[in-house]
Protein backbone atom coordinates (compact mmCIF):
# COMPACT_ATOMS: atom_id res chain seq x y z
CA UNK A 1 0.00 0.00 0.00
CA UNK A 2 2.83 2.32 0.92
CA UNK A 3 4.60 1.67 -2.38
CA UNK A 4 1.38 2.38 -4.26
CA UNK A 5 0.97 5.71 -2.50
CA UNK A 6 4.59 6.66 -3.26
CA UNK A 7 4.11 5.60 -6.88
CA UNK A 8 0.96 7.70 -7.22
CA UNK A 9 2.69 10.72 -5.70
CA UNK A 10 5.64 10.36 -8.07
CA UNK A 11 3.28 9.88 -11.00
CA UNK A 12 1.41 13.03 -10.02
CA UNK A 13 4.67 15.00 -9.83
CA UNK A 14 5.78 13.62 -13.20
CA UNK A 15 2.49 14.56 -14.84
CA UNK A 16 2.68 18.04 -13.33
CA UNK A 17 6.21 18.51 -14.69
CA UNK A 18 5.18 17.22 -18.12
CA UNK A 19 2.18 19.53 -18.03
CA UNK A 20 4.37 22.62 -17.46
CA UNK A 21 6.94 21.51 -20.04
CA UNK A 22 4.18 21.03 -22.60
CA UNK A 23 2.72 24.44 -21.80
CA UNK A 24 6.08 26.11 -22.34
CA UNK A 25 6.50 24.31 -25.66
CA UNK A 26 3.10 25.32 -27.00
CA UNK A 27 3.48 28.92 -25.84
CA UNK A 28 6.86 29.12 -27.56
CA UNK A 29 5.57 27.66 -30.82
CA UNK A 30 2.47 29.88 -30.96
CA UNK A 31 4.65 32.92 -30.22
CA UNK A 32 7.06 31.93 -32.99
CA UNK A 33 4.27 31.47 -35.52
CA UNK A 34 2.64 34.84 -34.77
CA UNK A 35 6.01 36.62 -34.85
CA UNK A 36 6.76 35.10 -38.26
CA UNK A 37 3.29 35.87 -39.63
CA UNK A 38 3.52 39.57 -38.75
CA UNK A 39 7.29 39.96 -39.11
CA UNK A 40 7.71 41.08 -35.50
CA UNK A 41 11.12 42.03 -34.14
CA UNK A 42 10.07 40.95 -30.65
CA UNK A 43 8.05 37.72 -30.28
CA UNK A 44 4.71 38.21 -28.52
CA UNK A 45 4.09 37.04 -24.99
CA UNK A 46 1.82 33.99 -25.04
CA UNK A 47 0.06 32.36 -22.09
CA UNK A 48 -2.06 29.23 -22.33
CA UNK A 49 -4.86 29.02 -19.77
CA UNK A 50 -6.51 25.88 -18.49
CA UNK A 51 -5.48 23.04 -16.15
CA UNK A 52 -4.74 20.22 -16.71
CA UNK A 53 -2.99 21.35 -19.85
CA UNK A 54 -2.13 17.87 -21.13
CA UNK A 55 -5.83 17.16 -21.70
CA UNK A 56 -5.96 20.11 -24.10
CA UNK A 57 -2.67 19.13 -25.74
CA UNK A 58 -3.80 15.58 -26.46
CA UNK A 59 -7.05 16.90 -27.95
CA UNK A 60 -5.12 19.46 -30.00
CA UNK A 61 -7.49 22.22 -28.88
CA UNK A 62 -6.79 25.02 -26.39
CA UNK A 63 -9.78 26.82 -24.96
CA UNK A 64 -8.10 30.13 -24.17
CA UNK A 65 -4.72 31.64 -25.04
CA UNK A 66 -3.66 35.18 -24.11
CA UNK A 67 -1.37 37.05 -26.50
CA UNK A 68 0.39 40.38 -25.90
CA UNK A 69 2.13 42.02 -28.86
CA UNK A 70 4.37 45.08 -28.85
CA UNK A 71 4.74 48.02 -31.20
CA UNK A 72 4.17 47.54 -34.92
CA UNK A 73 2.84 49.37 -37.99
CA UNK A 74 -0.22 48.37 -40.02
CA UNK A 75 -0.20 48.34 -43.85
CA UNK A 76 -2.23 51.58 -43.63
CA UNK A 77 0.65 53.27 -41.83
CA UNK A 78 -1.03 53.37 -38.40
CA UNK A 79 1.49 52.92 -35.60
CA UNK A 80 0.31 50.49 -32.94
CA UNK A 81 1.61 50.83 -29.37
CA UNK A 82 0.47 47.36 -28.35
CA UNK A 83 -2.11 44.60 -28.72
CA UNK A 84 -3.74 42.44 -26.05
CA UNK A 85 -5.84 39.58 -27.35
CA UNK A 86 -7.61 36.47 -26.14
CA UNK A 87 -7.73 33.54 -28.55
CA UNK A 88 -10.68 31.20 -28.03
CA UNK A 89 -10.80 27.63 -29.28
CA UNK A 90 -7.31 27.38 -30.77
CA UNK A 91 -6.92 24.26 -32.88
CA UNK A 92 -3.31 23.07 -33.05
CA UNK A 93 -2.66 19.33 -33.44
CA UNK A 94 -0.08 18.09 -30.94
CA UNK A 95 2.12 16.34 -33.51
CA UNK A 96 2.26 19.48 -35.65
CA UNK A 97 3.38 21.49 -32.64
CA UNK A 98 6.05 18.91 -31.80
CA UNK A 99 7.31 18.81 -35.38
CA UNK A 100 7.06 22.57 -35.87
CA UNK A 101 4.79 22.17 -38.91
CA UNK A 102 1.72 23.98 -37.62
CA UNK A 103 0.12 24.67 -40.99
CA UNK A 104 -3.34 24.13 -39.55
CA UNK A 105 -3.18 26.25 -36.41
CA UNK A 106 -6.15 28.63 -36.16
CA UNK A 107 -8.50 30.20 -33.62
CA UNK A 108 -12.28 29.92 -33.62
CA UNK A 109 -12.59 33.46 -32.25
CA UNK A 110 -10.33 36.31 -31.17
CA UNK A 111 -11.18 39.30 -28.98
CA UNK A 112 -8.56 42.02 -28.78
CA UNK A 113 -7.66 45.58 -27.87
CA UNK A 114 -5.36 47.49 -30.21
CA UNK A 115 -3.84 50.81 -29.10
CA UNK A 116 -3.23 53.28 -31.93
CA UNK A 117 -0.46 55.68 -30.91
CA UNK A 118 -0.86 59.42 -30.35
CA UNK A 119 1.82 59.84 -33.02
CA UNK A 120 -0.54 58.38 -35.63
CA UNK A 121 -3.36 60.70 -34.57
CA UNK A 122 -1.15 63.79 -34.83
CA UNK A 123 0.11 62.67 -38.23
CA UNK A 124 -3.50 62.55 -39.50
CA UNK A 125 -4.78 65.69 -37.76
CA UNK A 126 -5.33 68.87 -39.83
CA UNK A 127 -2.21 70.99 -40.30
CA UNK A 128 -1.57 73.37 -37.45
CA UNK A 129 -3.39 71.45 -34.70
CA UNK A 130 -2.35 68.63 -32.40
CA UNK A 131 -4.02 66.12 -30.11
CA UNK A 132 -4.33 66.61 -26.35
CA UNK A 133 -6.06 64.78 -23.51
CA UNK A 134 -7.11 61.19 -23.66
CA UNK A 135 -6.66 59.92 -20.12
CA UNK A 136 -10.32 60.35 -19.18
CA UNK A 137 -11.93 59.14 -22.40
CA UNK A 138 -11.88 62.70 -23.75
CA UNK A 139 -9.92 63.96 -26.70
CA UNK A 140 -9.37 67.47 -28.01
CA UNK A 141 -7.33 69.29 -30.61
CA UNK A 142 -5.63 72.63 -30.08
CA UNK A 143 -3.61 74.84 -32.37
CA UNK A 144 -4.17 77.20 -35.26
CA UNK A 145 -6.27 76.96 -38.39
CA UNK A 146 -5.24 78.96 -41.43
CA UNK A 147 -8.25 80.84 -42.79
CA UNK A 148 -7.79 83.32 -45.65
CA UNK A 149 -4.09 83.38 -44.90
CA UNK A 150 -4.60 84.18 -41.21
CA UNK A 151 -3.70 81.83 -38.32
CA UNK A 152 -6.71 81.51 -36.05
CA UNK A 153 -6.28 79.83 -32.61
CA UNK A 154 -8.80 77.10 -31.98
CA UNK A 155 -9.60 74.40 -29.42
CA UNK A 156 -12.15 71.67 -30.00
CA UNK A 157 -13.49 68.68 -28.11
CA UNK A 158 -13.54 65.72 -30.47
CA UNK A 159 -16.06 62.92 -30.92
CA UNK A 160 -14.60 59.53 -31.88
CA UNK A 161 -16.56 57.20 -34.15
CA UNK A 162 -15.96 53.99 -36.03
CA UNK A 163 -16.04 54.67 -39.77
CA UNK A 164 -16.10 52.37 -42.76
CA UNK A 165 -12.36 52.70 -43.31
CA UNK A 166 -11.16 53.13 -39.73
CA UNK A 167 -11.87 55.86 -37.17
CA UNK A 168 -13.32 59.32 -37.72
CA UNK A 169 -12.79 62.29 -35.38
CA UNK A 170 -15.25 65.19 -35.57
CA UNK A 171 -15.55 68.27 -33.31
CA UNK A 172 -18.39 68.27 -30.78
CA UNK A 173 -17.68 71.82 -29.68
CA UNK A 174 -15.25 74.47 -30.90
CA UNK A 175 -13.81 77.24 -28.71
CA UNK A 176 -11.93 80.34 -29.78
CA UNK A 177 -12.53 82.74 -32.63
CA UNK A 178 -15.48 81.60 -34.72
CA UNK A 179 -14.20 80.10 -37.95
CA UNK A 180 -16.46 79.36 -40.91
CA UNK A 181 -16.71 75.61 -41.56
CA UNK A 182 -14.61 74.88 -38.47
CA UNK A 183 -16.31 71.51 -38.07
CA UNK A 184 -15.39 70.44 -41.58
CA UNK A 185 -11.86 71.81 -41.28
CA UNK A 186 -11.21 69.93 -38.04
CA UNK A 187 -12.76 66.60 -39.04
CA UNK A 188 -10.26 63.91 -39.98
CA UNK A 189 -10.01 60.15 -40.34
CA UNK A 190 -7.43 57.57 -39.30
CA UNK A 191 -7.51 54.75 -41.87
CA UNK A 192 -7.26 51.34 -40.20
CA UNK A 193 -8.27 48.52 -42.51
CA UNK A 194 -5.79 45.75 -41.78
CA UNK A 195 -5.44 45.15 -38.06
CA UNK A 196 -3.31 42.21 -36.88
CA UNK A 197 -5.05 38.93 -36.03
CA UNK A 198 -7.73 39.90 -38.61
CA UNK A 199 -9.50 41.99 -35.96
CA UNK A 200 -12.51 44.01 -37.12
CA UNK A 201 -13.22 47.27 -35.29
CA UNK A 202 -16.27 47.18 -33.02
CA UNK A 203 -15.71 50.19 -30.77
CA UNK A 204 -13.11 52.83 -29.99
CA UNK A 205 -12.25 54.98 -26.99
CA UNK A 206 -9.63 57.51 -26.03
CA UNK A 207 -6.72 56.63 -23.73
CA UNK A 208 -3.60 58.43 -22.53
CA UNK A 209 -1.61 56.60 -25.25
CA UNK A 210 -3.94 57.34 -28.14
CA UNK A 211 -6.97 55.32 -29.22
CA UNK A 212 -7.94 51.93 -27.82
CA UNK A 213 -9.76 49.91 -30.47
CA UNK A 214 -11.84 46.92 -29.41
CA UNK A 215 -12.26 44.30 -32.10
CA UNK A 216 -12.98 40.66 -32.80
CA UNK A 217 -12.55 38.07 -35.53
CA UNK A 218 -13.62 34.50 -36.24
CA UNK A 219 -11.89 31.51 -37.83
CA UNK A 220 -8.44 33.13 -37.87
CA UNK A 221 -5.33 31.31 -39.17
CA UNK A 222 -2.33 31.91 -36.89
CA UNK A 223 0.45 30.16 -38.77
CA UNK A 224 2.99 32.03 -40.86
Foldseek 3Di string as FASTA:
>chain_A
DVVVVVVVVVVVVVLVVVQVVVQVLVQVLLQVFQCVVQVPPDGWGKGADDPPNVVCQQVQWGAKMWTKAAWDADPLGFIWGIKIKIFGTWGFHNVCSVVSNRPPTWGQKMKMKIFGFLVLVQVFWFPFWGWDDQAVQWIKIWGFDQDPNDTFTKIFTWDWDADPFGIKIFGPDMDGPDDPPPRVRGITGRGDDQDPQRWDFDDWTGRPGGIMTITMDGGTHRGD
